C-alpha atoms as a PDB file:
ATOM      1  CA  MET A   1     -67.679 -48.686  69.208  1.00  0.00           C
ATOM      2  CA  GLU A   2     -69.711 -50.570  71.776  1.00  0.00           C
ATOM      3  CA  LYS A   3     -68.383 -53.201  74.250  1.00  0.00           C
ATOM      4  CA  LEU A   4     -71.137 -55.902  76.317  1.00  0.00           C
ATOM      5  CA  ALA A   5     -70.376 -57.141  79.423  1.00  0.00           C
ATOM      6  CA  ASN A   6     -70.946 -61.400  79.446  1.00  0.00           C
ATOM      7  CA  LEU A   7     -72.843 -61.632  82.001  1.00  0.00           C
ATOM      8  CA  GLU A   8     -73.932 -64.711  84.713  1.00  0.00           C
ATOM      9  CA  ALA A   9     -77.609 -65.686  86.060  1.00  0.00           C
ATOM     10  CA  LEU A  10     -76.944 -64.566  89.546  1.00  0.00           C
ATOM     11  CA  PRO A  11     -78.051 -66.332  92.695  1.00  0.00           C
ATOM     12  CA  PRO A  12     -81.544 -66.421  94.412  1.00  0.00           C
ATOM     13  CA  PHE A  13     -80.738 -65.227  97.266  1.00  0.00           C
ATOM     14  CA  GLY A  14     -80.435 -61.132  97.953  1.00  0.00           C
ATOM     15  CA  PHE A  15     -84.473 -60.720  97.116  1.00  0.00           C
ATOM     16  CA  THR A  16     -86.500 -59.737  99.627  1.00  0.00           C
ATOM     17  CA  VAL A  17     -90.275 -60.853 100.070  1.00  0.00           C
ATOM     18  CA  SER A  18     -91.638 -59.098 103.325  1.00  0.00           C
ATOM     19  CA  ASN A  19     -94.478 -60.601 105.715  1.00  0.00           C
ATOM     20  CA  PRO A  20     -96.643 -57.972 107.517  1.00  0.00           C
ATOM     21  CA  ASP A  21     -96.319 -60.149 110.124  1.00  0.00           C
ATOM     22  CA  PHE A  22     -92.292 -60.816 109.482  1.00  0.00           C
ATOM     23  CA  ARG A  23     -91.737 -60.708 114.040  1.00  0.00           C
ATOM     24  CA  ASP A  24     -94.027 -63.897 113.525  1.00  0.00           C
ATOM     25  CA  VAL A  25     -92.469 -66.001 110.127  1.00  0.00           C
ATOM     26  CA  GLY A  26     -89.084 -64.092 110.258  1.00  0.00           C
ATOM     27  CA  SER A  27     -87.858 -62.398 107.242  1.00  0.00           C
ATOM     28  CA  THR A  28     -85.451 -63.670 104.151  1.00  0.00           C
ATOM     29  CA  CYS A  29     -83.121 -61.088 103.518  1.00  0.00           C
ATOM     30  CA  ILE A  30     -80.410 -60.078 106.131  1.00  0.00           C
ATOM     31  CA  ALA A  31     -80.305 -56.851 104.933  1.00  0.00           C
ATOM     32  CA  GLU A  32     -84.222 -56.660 106.602  1.00  0.00           C
ATOM     33  CA  ARG A  33     -83.237 -58.339 108.969  1.00  0.00           C
ATOM     34  CA  ARG A  34     -80.683 -56.152 110.116  1.00  0.00           C
ATOM     35  CA  ALA A  35     -82.614 -52.739 109.689  1.00  0.00           C
ATOM     36  CA  ILE A  36     -85.789 -53.773 111.464  1.00  0.00           C
ATOM     37  CA  GLU A  37     -83.371 -55.404 114.544  1.00  0.00           C
ATOM     38  CA  MET A  38     -82.385 -51.269 114.198  1.00  0.00           C
ATOM     39  CA  LEU A  39     -85.752 -49.797 114.108  1.00  0.00           C
ATOM     40  CA  ASP A  40     -86.439 -51.793 117.215  1.00  0.00           C
ATOM     41  CA  GLU A  41     -83.578 -52.011 119.279  1.00  0.00           C
ATOM     42  CA  GLY A  42     -80.706 -49.667 118.281  1.00  0.00           C
ATOM     43  CA  ALA A  43     -78.724 -52.352 116.815  1.00  0.00           C
ATOM     44  CA  SER A  44     -78.636 -55.024 114.768  1.00  0.00           C
ATOM     45  CA  ARG A  45     -77.372 -58.636 116.007  1.00  0.00           C
ATOM     46  CA  THR A  46     -77.814 -60.508 112.980  1.00  0.00           C
ATOM     47  CA  SER A  47     -74.541 -60.835 110.915  1.00  0.00           C
ATOM     48  CA  PHE A  48     -73.964 -61.018 107.632  1.00  0.00           C
ATOM     49  CA  MET A  49     -73.142 -64.771 105.754  1.00  0.00           C
ATOM     50  CA  THR A  50     -69.283 -65.521 106.314  1.00  0.00           C
ATOM     51  CA  PHE A  51     -67.755 -68.238 104.206  1.00  0.00           C
ATOM     52  CA  GLY A  52     -68.970 -71.718 105.092  1.00  0.00           C
ATOM     53  CA  ASP A  53     -72.764 -70.130 106.633  1.00  0.00           C
ATOM     54  CA  ARG A  54     -75.285 -72.595 104.692  1.00  0.00           C
ATOM     55  CA  GLY A  55     -78.198 -71.152 103.178  1.00  0.00           C
ATOM     56  CA  ARG A  56     -81.107 -72.755 102.517  1.00  0.00           C
ATOM     57  CA  MET A  57     -84.363 -72.234 101.135  1.00  0.00           C
ATOM     58  CA  GLU A  58     -88.260 -74.062  99.910  1.00  0.00           C
ATOM     59  CA  CYS A  59     -90.982 -72.847  98.480  1.00  0.00           C
ATOM     60  CA  VAL A  60     -94.586 -74.401  99.131  1.00  0.00           C
ATOM     61  CA  SER A  61     -98.248 -73.382  99.056  1.00  0.00           C
ATOM     62  CA  ALA A  62    -100.132 -73.016 101.411  1.00  0.00           C
ATOM     63  CA  GLU A  63    -101.616 -76.164 100.622  1.00  0.00           C
ATOM     64  CA  GLY A  64     -98.030 -78.280 101.418  1.00  0.00           C
ATOM     65  CA  SER A  65     -97.902 -78.074  97.289  1.00  0.00           C
ATOM     66  CA  VAL A  66     -93.570 -78.043  96.991  1.00  0.00           C
ATOM     67  CA  LEU A  67     -93.804 -75.076  94.008  1.00  0.00           C
ATOM     68  CA  PHE A  68     -89.298 -75.821  93.650  1.00  0.00           C
ATOM     69  CA  GLY A  69     -87.462 -78.180  94.275  1.00  0.00           C
ATOM     70  CA  PRO A  70     -85.106 -77.212  97.516  1.00  0.00           C
ATOM     71  CA  ILE A  71     -82.347 -74.232  96.860  1.00  0.00           C
ATOM     72  CA  ASP A  72     -79.186 -74.672  98.699  1.00  0.00           C
ATOM     73  CA  GLN A  73     -76.007 -72.622  98.730  1.00  0.00           C
ATOM     74  CA  THR A  74     -73.183 -72.148 100.797  1.00  0.00           C
ATOM     75  CA  VAL A  75     -70.648 -69.191 101.060  1.00  0.00           C
ATOM     76  CA  ARG A  76     -67.422 -70.058  99.366  1.00  0.00           C
ATOM     77  CA  GLY A  77     -64.526 -67.759  98.395  1.00  0.00           C
ATOM     78  CA  THR A  78     -62.734 -66.957  95.411  1.00  0.00           C
ATOM     79  CA  PRO A  79     -59.766 -69.669  95.148  1.00  0.00           C
END
């Protein structure tokens, strides 16, 4: 007998959008940022997110059109 997990959709944070000019525009992934720092400087300076930290992102086209509404999340613990 098979059992299937009842999975829920995950939040959008956690994906990577790499840019060739990341040193000028930044990174969208903390792990990517840390890896770049390790390669460039020998150690990472950026910490991972902790409880209470807030992440917010918006997606705007080159012409300035908003592609979807802002995503605003706060890291919380399990009650």
